[in-house]
Amino acid sequence: CLTCNNTEYPKIMPAVIIAVTNGNKILLSKYANREYTRYA
């Protein structure tokens, strides 16, 4: 901004993907109320 010198950079949001395991097992889930319906 040439008026107040404010600056804006592209938005990048940090997030985690978590594979919870229990020996030979892994926890899979499906989202609620979303178009994506596969296991995640």
PDB file of all heavy atoms in Angstrom:
ATOM      1  N   CYS A   1       0.848  -1.190   0.000  1.00  0.00           N
ATOM      2  CA  CYS A   1       0.000   0.000   0.000  1.00  0.00           C
ATOM      3  C   CYS A   1       0.883   1.240   0.000  1.00  0.00           C
ATOM      4  O   CYS A   1       1.709   1.428   0.904  1.00  0.00           O
ATOM      5  CB  CYS A   1      -0.905  -0.013   1.233  1.00  0.00           C
ATOM      6  SG  CYS A   1      -1.949   1.464   1.383  1.00  0.00           S
ATOM      7  N   LEU A   2       0.709   2.087  -0.992  1.00  0.00           N
ATOM      8  CA  LEU A   2       1.511   3.306  -1.099  1.00  0.00           C
ATOM      9  C   LEU A   2       1.068   4.361  -0.105  1.00  0.00           C
ATOM     10  O   LEU A   2       1.785   5.333   0.137  1.00  0.00           O
ATOM     11  CB  LEU A   2       1.423   3.860  -2.522  1.00  0.00           C
ATOM     12  CG  LEU A   2       1.949   2.934  -3.636  1.00  0.00           C
ATOM     13  CD1 LEU A   2       1.756   3.581  -4.999  1.00  0.00           C
ATOM     14  CD2 LEU A   2       3.408   2.575  -3.398  1.00  0.00           C
ATOM     15  N   THR A   3      -0.112   4.170   0.487  1.00  0.00           N
ATOM     16  CA  THR A   3      -0.637   5.159   1.430  1.00  0.00           C
ATOM     17  C   THR A   3      -0.131   4.922   2.849  1.00  0.00           C
ATOM     18  O   THR A   3       0.333   5.847   3.515  1.00  0.00           O
ATOM     19  CB  THR A   3      -2.178   5.137   1.420  1.00  0.00           C
ATOM     20  OG1 THR A   3      -2.651   5.416   0.102  1.00  0.00           O
ATOM     21  CG2 THR A   3      -2.746   6.160   2.399  1.00  0.00           C
ATOM     22  N   CYS A   4      -0.189   3.662   3.322  1.00  0.00           N
ATOM     23  CA  CYS A   4       0.183   3.392   4.714  1.00  0.00           C
ATOM     24  C   CYS A   4       1.327   2.396   4.851  1.00  0.00           C
ATOM     25  O   CYS A   4       1.689   2.012   5.966  1.00  0.00           O
ATOM     26  CB  CYS A   4      -1.022   2.902   5.509  1.00  0.00           C
ATOM     27  SG  CYS A   4      -1.577   1.233   5.069  1.00  0.00           S
ATOM     28  N   ASN A   5       1.878   1.928   3.703  1.00  0.00           N
ATOM     29  CA  ASN A   5       3.019   1.003   3.695  1.00  0.00           C
ATOM     30  C   ASN A   5       2.689  -0.398   4.213  1.00  0.00           C
ATOM     31  O   ASN A   5       3.593  -1.166   4.542  1.00  0.00           O
ATOM     32  CB  ASN A   5       4.205   1.572   4.482  1.00  0.00           C
ATOM     33  CG  ASN A   5       4.801   2.807   3.820  1.00  0.00           C
ATOM     34  OD1 ASN A   5       4.917   2.873   2.596  1.00  0.00           O
ATOM     35  ND2 ASN A   5       5.161   3.797   4.631  1.00  0.00           N
ATOM     36  N   ASN A   6       1.423  -0.743   4.287  1.00  0.00           N
ATOM     37  CA  ASN A   6       1.038  -2.107   4.649  1.00  0.00           C
ATOM     38  C   ASN A   6       1.460  -3.068   3.533  1.00  0.00           C
ATOM     39  O   ASN A   6       1.469  -2.696   2.351  1.00  0.00           O
ATOM     40  CB  ASN A   6      -0.474  -2.180   4.858  1.00  0.00           C
ATOM     41  CG  ASN A   6      -0.931  -3.544   5.324  1.00  0.00           C
ATOM     42  OD1 ASN A   6      -0.227  -4.225   6.070  1.00  0.00           O
ATOM     43  ND2 ASN A   6      -2.114  -3.946   4.884  1.00  0.00           N
ATOM     44  N   THR A   7       1.841  -4.277   3.897  1.00  0.00           N
ATOM     45  CA  THR A   7       2.257  -5.265   2.897  1.00  0.00           C
ATOM     46  C   THR A   7       1.449  -6.546   3.041  1.00  0.00           C
ATOM     47  O   THR A   7       1.030  -6.925   4.148  1.00  0.00           O
ATOM     48  CB  THR A   7       3.757  -5.601   3.034  1.00  0.00           C
ATOM     49  OG1 THR A   7       4.011  -6.126   4.344  1.00  0.00           O
ATOM     50  CG2 THR A   7       4.606  -4.360   2.817  1.00  0.00           C
ATOM     51  N   GLU A   8       1.228  -7.239   1.932  1.00  0.00           N
ATOM     52  CA  GLU A   8       0.498  -8.506   1.913  1.00  0.00           C
ATOM     53  C   GLU A   8       1.285  -9.520   1.099  1.00  0.00           C
ATOM     54  O   GLU A   8       1.678  -9.239  -0.044  1.00  0.00           O
ATOM     55  CB  GLU A   8      -0.899  -8.324   1.299  1.00  0.00           C
ATOM     56  CG  GLU A   8      -1.829  -7.403   2.062  1.00  0.00           C
ATOM     57  CD  GLU A   8      -2.412  -8.051   3.309  1.00  0.00           C
ATOM     58  OE1 GLU A   8      -2.191  -9.269   3.490  1.00  0.00           O
ATOM     59  OE2 GLU A   8      -3.090  -7.358   4.081  1.00  0.00           O
ATOM     60  N   TYR A   9       1.492 -10.706   1.678  1.00  0.00           N
ATOM     61  CA  TYR A   9       2.166 -11.809   0.993  1.00  0.00           C
ATOM     62  C   TYR A   9       1.164 -12.941   0.767  1.00  0.00           C
ATOM     63  O   TYR A   9       0.151 -13.043   1.472  1.00  0.00           O
ATOM     64  CB  TYR A   9       3.352 -12.307   1.815  1.00  0.00           C
ATOM     65  CG  TYR A   9       4.512 -11.345   1.859  1.00  0.00           C
ATOM     66  CD1 TYR A   9       4.576 -10.342   2.830  1.00  0.00           C
ATOM     67  CD2 TYR A   9       5.540 -11.422   0.930  1.00  0.00           C
ATOM     68  CE1 TYR A   9       5.645  -9.447   2.868  1.00  0.00           C
ATOM     69  CE2 TYR A   9       6.613 -10.536   0.959  1.00  0.00           C
ATOM     70  CZ  TYR A   9       6.645  -9.552   1.934  1.00  0.00           C
ATOM     71  OH  TYR A   9       7.699  -8.663   1.959  1.00  0.00           O
ATOM     72  N   PRO A  10       1.435 -13.834  -0.203  1.00  0.00           N
ATOM     73  CA  PRO A  10       0.517 -14.947  -0.447  1.00  0.00           C
ATOM     74  C   PRO A  10       0.244 -15.754   0.821  1.00  0.00           C
ATOM     75  O   PRO A  10       1.141 -15.979   1.644  1.00  0.00           O
ATOM     76  CB  PRO A  10       1.256 -15.781  -1.497  1.00  0.00           C
ATOM     77  CG  PRO A  10       2.074 -14.789  -2.235  1.00  0.00           C
ATOM     78  CD  PRO A  10       2.527 -13.791  -1.200  1.00  0.00           C
ATOM     79  N   LYS A  11      -1.003 -16.163   0.961  1.00  0.00           N
ATOM     80  CA  LYS A  11      -1.449 -16.880   2.156  1.00  0.00           C
ATOM     81  C   LYS A  11      -1.057 -18.354   2.068  1.00  0.00           C
ATOM     82  O   LYS A  11      -1.375 -19.045   1.100  1.00  0.00           O
ATOM     83  CB  LYS A  11      -2.971 -16.765   2.288  1.00  0.00           C
ATOM     84  CG  LYS A  11      -3.556 -17.483   3.485  1.00  0.00           C
ATOM     85  CD  LYS A  11      -5.052 -17.288   3.557  1.00  0.00           C
ATOM     86  CE  LYS A  11      -5.788 -17.964   2.424  1.00  0.00           C
ATOM     87  NZ  LYS A  11      -7.261 -17.886   2.548  1.00  0.00           N
ATOM     88  N   ILE A  12      -0.337 -18.828   3.082  1.00  0.00           N
ATOM     89  CA  ILE A  12      -0.001 -20.247   3.182  1.00  0.00           C
ATOM     90  C   ILE A  12      -0.327 -20.685   4.606  1.00  0.00           C
ATOM     91  O   ILE A  12       0.255 -20.175   5.563  1.00  0.00           O
ATOM     92  CB  ILE A  12       1.485 -20.511   2.878  1.00  0.00           C
ATOM     93  CG1 ILE A  12       1.850 -19.990   1.485  1.00  0.00           C
ATOM     94  CG2 ILE A  12       1.795 -22.008   2.974  1.00  0.00           C
ATOM     95  CD1 ILE A  12       3.332 -20.030   1.192  1.00  0.00           C
ATOM     96  N   MET A  13      -1.246 -21.627   4.764  1.00  0.00           N
ATOM     97  CA  MET A  13      -1.679 -22.039   6.088  1.00  0.00           C
ATOM     98  C   MET A  13      -1.056 -23.384   6.458  1.00  0.00           C
ATOM     99  O   MET A  13      -1.190 -24.361   5.717  1.00  0.00           O
ATOM    100  CB  MET A  13      -3.210 -22.144   6.128  1.00  0.00           C
ATOM    101  CG  MET A  13      -3.908 -20.830   5.865  1.00  0.00           C
ATOM    102  SD  MET A  13      -5.708 -20.914   5.983  1.00  0.00           S
ATOM    103  CE  MET A  13      -6.098 -21.899   4.526  1.00  0.00           C
ATOM    104  N   PRO A  14      -0.376 -23.468   7.603  1.00  0.00           N
ATOM    105  CA  PRO A  14       0.214 -24.741   8.025  1.00  0.00           C
ATOM    106  C   PRO A  14      -0.844 -25.693   8.574  1.00  0.00           C
ATOM    107  O   PRO A  14      -1.745 -25.287   9.310  1.00  0.00           O
ATOM    108  CB  PRO A  14       1.204 -24.324   9.121  1.00  0.00           C
ATOM    109  CG  PRO A  14       0.622 -23.069   9.688  1.00  0.00           C
ATOM    110  CD  PRO A  14      -0.055 -22.370   8.539  1.00  0.00           C
ATOM    111  N   ALA A  15      -0.727 -26.949   8.206  1.00  0.00           N
ATOM    112  CA  ALA A  15      -1.661 -27.972   8.686  1.00  0.00           C
ATOM    113  C   ALA A  15      -0.938 -29.306   8.771  1.00  0.00           C
ATOM    114  O   ALA A  15       0.142 -29.482   8.202  1.00  0.00           O
ATOM    115  CB  ALA A  15      -2.872 -28.082   7.751  1.00  0.00           C
ATOM    116  N   VAL A  16      -1.526 -30.249   9.504  1.00  0.00           N
ATOM    117  CA  VAL A  16      -0.910 -31.558   9.688  1.00  0.00           C
ATOM    118  C   VAL A  16      -1.804 -32.653   9.121  1.00  0.00           C
ATOM    119  O   VAL A  16      -3.033 -32.547   9.122  1.00  0.00           O
ATOM    120  CB  VAL A  16      -0.614 -31.852  11.172  1.00  0.00           C
ATOM    121  CG1 VAL A  16       0.429 -30.886  11.706  1.00  0.00           C
ATOM    122  CG2 VAL A  16      -1.886 -31.785  12.010  1.00  0.00           C
ATOM    123  N   ILE A  17      -1.155 -33.701   8.606  1.00  0.00           N
ATOM    124  CA  ILE A  17      -1.800 -34.953   8.241  1.00  0.00           C
ATOM    125  C   ILE A  17      -1.256 -36.001   9.206  1.00  0.00           C
ATOM    126  O   ILE A  17      -0.040 -36.108   9.387  1.00  0.00           O
ATOM    127  CB  ILE A  17      -1.474 -35.350   6.783  1.00  0.00           C
ATOM    128  CG1 ILE A  17      -2.018 -34.300   5.814  1.00  0.00           C
ATOM    129  CG2 ILE A  17      -2.034 -36.730   6.463  1.00  0.00           C
ATOM    130  CD1 ILE A  17      -3.518 -34.260   5.714  1.00  0.00           C
ATOM    131  N   ILE A  18      -2.140 -36.780   9.817  1.00  0.00           N
ATOM    132  CA  ILE A  18      -1.714 -37.661  10.907  1.00  0.00           C
ATOM    133  C   ILE A  18      -2.122 -39.099  10.628  1.00  0.00           C
ATOM    134  O   ILE A  18      -3.314 -39.411  10.514  1.00  0.00           O
ATOM    135  CB  ILE A  18      -2.337 -37.224  12.242  1.00  0.00           C
ATOM    136  CG1 ILE A  18      -2.229 -35.711  12.427  1.00  0.00           C
ATOM    137  CG2 ILE A  18      -1.702 -37.978  13.401  1.00  0.00           C
ATOM    138  CD1 ILE A  18      -3.344 -35.108  13.237  1.00  0.00           C
ATOM    139  N   ALA A  19      -1.119 -39.959  10.524  1.00  0.00           N
ATOM    140  CA  ALA A  19      -1.362 -41.399  10.415  1.00  0.00           C
ATOM    141  C   ALA A  19      -1.216 -41.991  11.807  1.00  0.00           C
ATOM    142  O   ALA A  19      -0.099 -42.184  12.300  1.00  0.00           O
ATOM    143  CB  ALA A  19      -0.383 -42.037   9.445  1.00  0.00           C
ATOM    144  N   VAL A  20      -2.333 -42.251  12.475  1.00  0.00           N
ATOM    145  CA  VAL A  20      -2.314 -42.848  13.806  1.00  0.00           C
ATOM    146  C   VAL A  20      -2.255 -44.363  13.637  1.00  0.00           C
ATOM    147  O   VAL A  20      -3.106 -44.954  12.964  1.00  0.00           O
ATOM    148  CB  VAL A  20      -3.557 -42.450  14.613  1.00  0.00           C
ATOM    149  CG1 VAL A  20      -3.491 -43.059  16.020  1.00  0.00           C
ATOM    150  CG2 VAL A  20      -3.680 -40.926  14.690  1.00  0.00           C
ATOM    151  N   THR A  21      -1.247 -44.996  14.255  1.00  0.00           N
ATOM    152  CA  THR A  21      -1.061 -46.435  14.097  1.00  0.00           C
ATOM    153  C   THR A  21      -1.159 -47.140  15.447  1.00  0.00           C
ATOM    154  O   THR A  21      -0.941 -46.542  16.501  1.00  0.00           O
ATOM    155  CB  THR A  21       0.293 -46.755  13.449  1.00  0.00           C
ATOM    156  OG1 THR A  21       1.357 -46.338  14.325  1.00  0.00           O
ATOM    157  CG2 THR A  21       0.432 -46.034  12.104  1.00  0.00           C
ATOM    158  N   ASN A  22      -1.461 -48.418  15.366  1.00  0.00           N
ATOM    159  CA  ASN A  22      -1.557 -49.265  16.558  1.00  0.00           C
ATOM    160  C   ASN A  22      -1.078 -50.649  16.169  1.00  0.00           C
ATOM    161  O   ASN A  22      -1.869 -51.497  15.749  1.00  0.00           O
ATOM    162  CB  ASN A  22      -3.002 -49.301  17.065  1.00  0.00           C
ATOM    163  CG  ASN A  22      -3.135 -50.081  18.356  1.00  0.00           C
ATOM    164  OD1 ASN A  22      -2.144 -50.456  18.971  1.00  0.00           O
ATOM    165  ND2 ASN A  22      -4.373 -50.340  18.769  1.00  0.00           N
ATOM    166  N   GLY A  23       0.232 -50.848  16.209  1.00  0.00           N
ATOM    167  CA  GLY A  23       0.797 -52.108  15.749  1.00  0.00           C
ATOM    168  C   GLY A  23       0.600 -52.274  14.260  1.00  0.00           C
ATOM    169  O   GLY A  23       1.090 -51.474  13.457  1.00  0.00           O
ATOM    170  N   ASN A  24      -0.168 -53.284  13.890  1.00  0.00           N
ATOM    171  CA  ASN A  24      -0.426 -53.580  12.478  1.00  0.00           C
ATOM    172  C   ASN A  24      -1.634 -52.834  11.928  1.00  0.00           C
ATOM    173  O   ASN A  24      -2.066 -53.083  10.804  1.00  0.00           O
ATOM    174  CB  ASN A  24      -0.630 -55.092  12.297  1.00  0.00           C
ATOM    175  CG  ASN A  24      -0.506 -55.531  10.853  1.00  0.00           C
ATOM    176  OD1 ASN A  24       0.467 -55.209  10.181  1.00  0.00           O
ATOM    177  ND2 ASN A  24      -1.509 -56.263  10.354  1.00  0.00           N
ATOM    178  N   LYS A  25      -2.194 -51.914  12.701  1.00  0.00           N
ATOM    179  CA  LYS A  25      -3.415 -51.221  12.305  1.00  0.00           C
ATOM    180  C   LYS A  25      -3.157 -49.725  12.112  1.00  0.00           C
ATOM    181  O   LYS A  25      -2.290 -49.140  12.749  1.00  0.00           O
ATOM    182  CB  LYS A  25      -4.511 -51.430  13.363  1.00  0.00           C
ATOM    183  CG  LYS A  25      -4.948 -52.873  13.536  1.00  0.00           C
ATOM    184  CD  LYS A  25      -6.113 -52.994  14.498  1.00  0.00           C
ATOM    185  CE  LYS A  25      -5.691 -52.669  15.927  1.00  0.00           C
ATOM    186  NZ  LYS A  25      -6.812 -52.949  16.889  1.00  0.00           N
ATOM    187  N   ILE A  26      -3.949 -49.130  11.229  1.00  0.00           N
ATOM    188  CA  ILE A  26      -3.908 -47.691  10.991  1.00  0.00           C
ATOM    189  C   ILE A  26      -5.329 -47.142  11.092  1.00  0.00           C
ATOM    190  O   ILE A  26      -6.308 -47.821  10.750  1.00  0.00           O
ATOM    191  CB  ILE A  26      -3.285 -47.367   9.609  1.00  0.00           C
ATOM    192  CG1 ILE A  26      -3.046 -45.865   9.457  1.00  0.00           C
ATOM    193  CG2 ILE A  26      -4.166 -47.899   8.472  1.00  0.00           C
ATOM    194  CD1 ILE A  26      -2.225 -45.498   8.214  1.00  0.00           C
ATOM    195  N   LEU A  27      -5.450 -45.923  11.577  1.00  0.00           N
ATOM    196  CA  LEU A  27      -6.758 -45.297  11.745  1.00  0.00           C
ATOM    197  C   LEU A  27      -7.115 -44.508  10.489  1.00  0.00           C
ATOM    198  O   LEU A  27      -6.395 -43.584  10.100  1.00  0.00           O
ATOM    199  CB  LEU A  27      -6.736 -44.361  12.952  1.00  0.00           C
ATOM    200  CG  LEU A  27      -8.069 -43.715  13.334  1.00  0.00           C
ATOM    201  CD1 LEU A  27      -9.059 -44.774  13.807  1.00  0.00           C
ATOM    202  CD2 LEU A  27      -7.861 -42.660  14.417  1.00  0.00           C
ATOM    203  N   LEU A  28      -8.222 -44.875   9.849  1.00  0.00           N
ATOM    204  CA  LEU A  28      -8.732 -44.151   8.683  1.00  0.00           C
ATOM    205  C   LEU A  28     -10.080 -43.541   9.023  1.00  0.00           C
ATOM    206  O   LEU A  28     -10.851 -44.092   9.825  1.00  0.00           O
ATOM    207  CB  LEU A  28      -8.859 -45.079   7.482  1.00  0.00           C
ATOM    208  CG  LEU A  28      -7.583 -45.773   6.995  1.00  0.00           C
ATOM    209  CD1 LEU A  28      -7.876 -46.609   5.752  1.00  0.00           C
ATOM    210  CD2 LEU A  28      -6.477 -44.766   6.714  1.00  0.00           C
ATOM    211  N   SER A  29     -10.374 -42.423   8.387  1.00  0.00           N
ATOM    212  CA  SER A  29     -11.611 -41.710   8.685  1.00  0.00           C
ATOM    213  C   SER A  29     -12.254 -41.205   7.403  1.00  0.00           C
ATOM    214  O   SER A  29     -11.651 -41.225   6.328  1.00  0.00           O
ATOM    215  CB  SER A  29     -11.327 -40.531   9.623  1.00  0.00           C
ATOM    216  OG  SER A  29     -10.477 -39.589   8.987  1.00  0.00           O
ATOM    217  N   LYS A  30     -13.495 -40.748   7.538  1.00  0.00           N
ATOM    218  CA  LYS A  30     -14.186 -40.061   6.455  1.00  0.00           C
ATOM    219  C   LYS A  30     -14.751 -38.762   7.006  1.00  0.00           C
ATOM    220  O   LYS A  30     -15.297 -38.723   8.110  1.00  0.00           O
ATOM    221  CB  LYS A  30     -15.309 -40.919   5.869  1.00  0.00           C
ATOM    222  CG  LYS A  30     -14.822 -42.114   5.073  1.00  0.00           C
ATOM    223  CD  LYS A  30     -15.970 -42.826   4.357  1.00  0.00           C
ATOM    224  CE  LYS A  30     -15.464 -43.960   3.478  1.00  0.00           C
ATOM    225  NZ  LYS A  30     -16.562 -44.625   2.728  1.00  0.00           N
ATOM    226  N   TYR A  31     -14.621 -37.700   6.196  1.00  0.00           N
ATOM    227  CA  TYR A  31     -15.105 -36.402   6.628  1.00  0.00           C
ATOM    228  C   TYR A  31     -16.631 -36.366   6.685  1.00  0.00           C
ATOM    229  O   TYR A  31     -17.320 -37.068   5.926  1.00  0.00           O
ATOM    230  CB  TYR A  31     -14.627 -35.301   5.680  1.00  0.00           C
ATOM    231  CG  TYR A  31     -13.127 -35.142   5.622  1.00  0.00           C
ATOM    232  CD1 TYR A  31     -12.430 -35.351   4.437  1.00  0.00           C
ATOM    233  CD2 TYR A  31     -12.407 -34.787   6.753  1.00  0.00           C
ATOM    234  CE1 TYR A  31     -11.049 -35.195   4.375  1.00  0.00           C
ATOM    235  CE2 TYR A  31     -11.031 -34.626   6.707  1.00  0.00           C
ATOM    236  CZ  TYR A  31     -10.359 -34.843   5.517  1.00  0.00           C
ATOM    237  OH  TYR A  31      -9.003 -34.697   5.472  1.00  0.00           O
ATOM    238  N   ALA A  32     -17.146 -35.522   7.555  1.00  0.00           N
ATOM    239  CA  ALA A  32     -18.587 -35.297   7.631  1.00  0.00           C
ATOM    240  C   ALA A  32     -18.969 -34.099   6.771  1.00  0.00           C
ATOM    241  O   ALA A  32     -18.264 -33.081   6.750  1.00  0.00           O
ATOM    242  CB  ALA A  32     -19.009 -35.049   9.074  1.00  0.00           C
ATOM    243  N   ASN A  33     -20.058 -34.229   6.023  1.00  0.00           N
ATOM    244  CA  ASN A  33     -20.637 -33.115   5.267  1.00  0.00           C
ATOM    245  C   ASN A  33     -19.680 -32.484   4.266  1.00  0.00           C
ATOM    246  O   ASN A  33     -19.611 -31.262   4.130  1.00  0.00           O
ATOM    247  CB  ASN A  33     -21.153 -32.034   6.233  1.00  0.00           C
ATOM    248  CG  ASN A  33     -22.116 -32.579   7.256  1.00  0.00           C
ATOM    249  OD1 ASN A  33     -23.024 -33.342   6.908  1.00  0.00           O
ATOM    250  ND2 ASN A  33     -21.931 -32.232   8.512  1.00  0.00           N
ATOM    251  N   ARG A  34     -18.905 -33.309   3.572  1.00  0.00           N
ATOM    252  CA  ARG A  34     -18.020 -32.812   2.520  1.00  0.00           C
ATOM    253  C   ARG A  34     -18.204 -33.640   1.259  1.00  0.00           C
ATOM    254  O   ARG A  34     -18.677 -34.783   1.305  1.00  0.00           O
ATOM    255  CB  ARG A  34     -16.550 -32.896   2.952  1.00  0.00           C
ATOM    256  CG  ARG A  34     -16.199 -32.010   4.131  1.00  0.00           C
ATOM    257  CD  ARG A  34     -14.705 -31.852   4.233  1.00  0.00           C
ATOM    258  NE  ARG A  34     -14.286 -31.361   5.526  1.00  0.00           N
ATOM    259  CZ  ARG A  34     -13.025 -31.155   5.870  1.00  0.00           C
ATOM    260  NH1 ARG A  34     -12.055 -31.420   5.003  1.00  0.00           N
ATOM    261  NH2 ARG A  34     -12.708 -30.718   7.072  1.00  0.00           N
ATOM    262  N   GLU A  35     -17.821 -33.034   0.127  1.00  0.00           N
ATOM    263  CA  GLU A  35     -17.931 -33.745  -1.139  1.00  0.00           C
ATOM    264  C   GLU A  35     -16.963 -34.920  -1.206  1.00  0.00           C
ATOM    265  O   GLU A  35     -17.239 -35.933  -1.840  1.00  0.00           O
ATOM    266  CB  GLU A  35     -17.661 -32.785  -2.304  1.00  0.00           C
ATOM    267  CG  GLU A  35     -18.717 -31.692  -2.459  1.00  0.00           C
ATOM    268  CD  GLU A  35     -18.437 -30.796  -3.643  1.00  0.00           C
ATOM    269  OE1 GLU A  35     -17.485 -31.090  -4.409  1.00  0.00           O
ATOM    270  OE2 GLU A  35     -19.163 -29.805  -3.815  1.00  0.00           O
ATOM    271  N   TYR A  36     -15.798 -34.792  -0.546  1.00  0.00           N
ATOM    272  CA  TYR A  36     -14.797 -35.862  -0.561  1.00  0.00           C
ATOM    273  C   TYR A  36     -15.273 -36.965   0.372  1.00  0.00           C
ATOM    274  O   TYR A  36     -15.412 -36.760   1.585  1.00  0.00           O
ATOM    275  CB  TYR A  36     -13.440 -35.329  -0.102  1.00  0.00           C
ATOM    276  CG  TYR A  36     -12.312 -36.321  -0.274  1.00  0.00           C
ATOM    277  CD1 TYR A  36     -11.635 -36.420  -1.479  1.00  0.00           C
ATOM    278  CD2 TYR A  36     -11.921 -37.159   0.772  1.00  0.00           C
ATOM    279  CE1 TYR A  36     -10.584 -37.320  -1.650  1.00  0.00           C
ATOM    280  CE2 TYR A  36     -10.878 -38.062   0.616  1.00  0.00           C
ATOM    281  CZ  TYR A  36     -10.216 -38.138  -0.594  1.00  0.00           C
ATOM    282  OH  TYR A  36      -9.196 -39.022  -0.768  1.00  0.00           O
ATOM    283  N   THR A  37     -15.546 -38.160  -0.166  1.00  0.00           N
ATOM    284  CA  THR A  37     -16.160 -39.237   0.611  1.00  0.00           C
ATOM    285  C   THR A  37     -15.242 -40.450   0.776  1.00  0.00           C
ATOM    286  O   THR A  37     -15.668 -41.462   1.322  1.00  0.00           O
ATOM    287  CB  THR A  37     -17.471 -39.684  -0.048  1.00  0.00           C
ATOM    288  OG1 THR A  37     -17.206 -40.124  -1.396  1.00  0.00           O
ATOM    289  CG2 THR A  37     -18.483 -38.547  -0.079  1.00  0.00           C
ATOM    290  N   ARG A  38     -13.995 -40.365   0.309  1.00  0.00           N
ATOM    291  CA  ARG A  38     -13.095 -41.506   0.439  1.00  0.00           C
ATOM    292  C   ARG A  38     -12.423 -41.499   1.816  1.00  0.00           C
ATOM    293  O   ARG A  38     -12.465 -40.516   2.544  1.00  0.00           O
ATOM    294  CB  ARG A  38     -12.030 -41.454  -0.666  1.00  0.00           C
ATOM    295  CG  ARG A  38     -12.613 -41.509  -2.068  1.00  0.00           C
ATOM    296  CD  ARG A  38     -11.546 -41.208  -3.114  1.00  0.00           C
ATOM    297  NE  ARG A  38     -12.114 -41.163  -4.455  1.00  0.00           N
ATOM    298  CZ  ARG A  38     -11.489 -40.709  -5.526  1.00  0.00           C
ATOM    299  NH1 ARG A  38     -10.251 -40.250  -5.403  1.00  0.00           N
ATOM    300  NH2 ARG A  38     -12.074 -40.701  -6.709  1.00  0.00           N
ATOM    301  N   TYR A  39     -11.805 -42.624   2.142  1.00  0.00           N
ATOM    302  CA  TYR A  39     -11.070 -42.707   3.399  1.00  0.00           C
ATOM    303  C   TYR A  39      -9.867 -41.766   3.382  1.00  0.00           C
ATOM    304  O   TYR A  39      -9.222 -41.586   2.359  1.00  0.00           O
ATOM    305  CB  TYR A  39     -10.601 -44.135   3.650  1.00  0.00           C
ATOM    306  CG  TYR A  39     -11.683 -45.049   4.178  1.00  0.00           C
ATOM    307  CD1 TYR A  39     -12.288 -45.994   3.348  1.00  0.00           C
ATOM    308  CD2 TYR A  39     -12.097 -44.972   5.509  1.00  0.00           C
ATOM    309  CE1 TYR A  39     -13.276 -46.834   3.825  1.00  0.00           C
ATOM    310  CE2 TYR A  39     -13.094 -45.812   5.991  1.00  0.00           C
ATOM    311  CZ  TYR A  39     -13.675 -46.735   5.150  1.00  0.00           C
ATOM    312  OH  TYR A  39     -14.661 -47.570   5.630  1.00  0.00           O
ATOM    313  N   ALA A  40      -9.577 -41.181   4.534  1.00  0.00           N
ATOM    314  CA  ALA A  40      -8.462 -40.254   4.662  1.00  0.00           C
ATOM    315  C   ALA A  40      -7.846 -40.413   6.038  1.00  0.00           C
ATOM    316  O   ALA A  40      -8.380 -41.114   6.912  1.00  0.00           O
ATOM    317  CB  ALA A  40      -8.932 -38.821   4.458  1.00  0.00           C
TER     318      ALA A  40
END
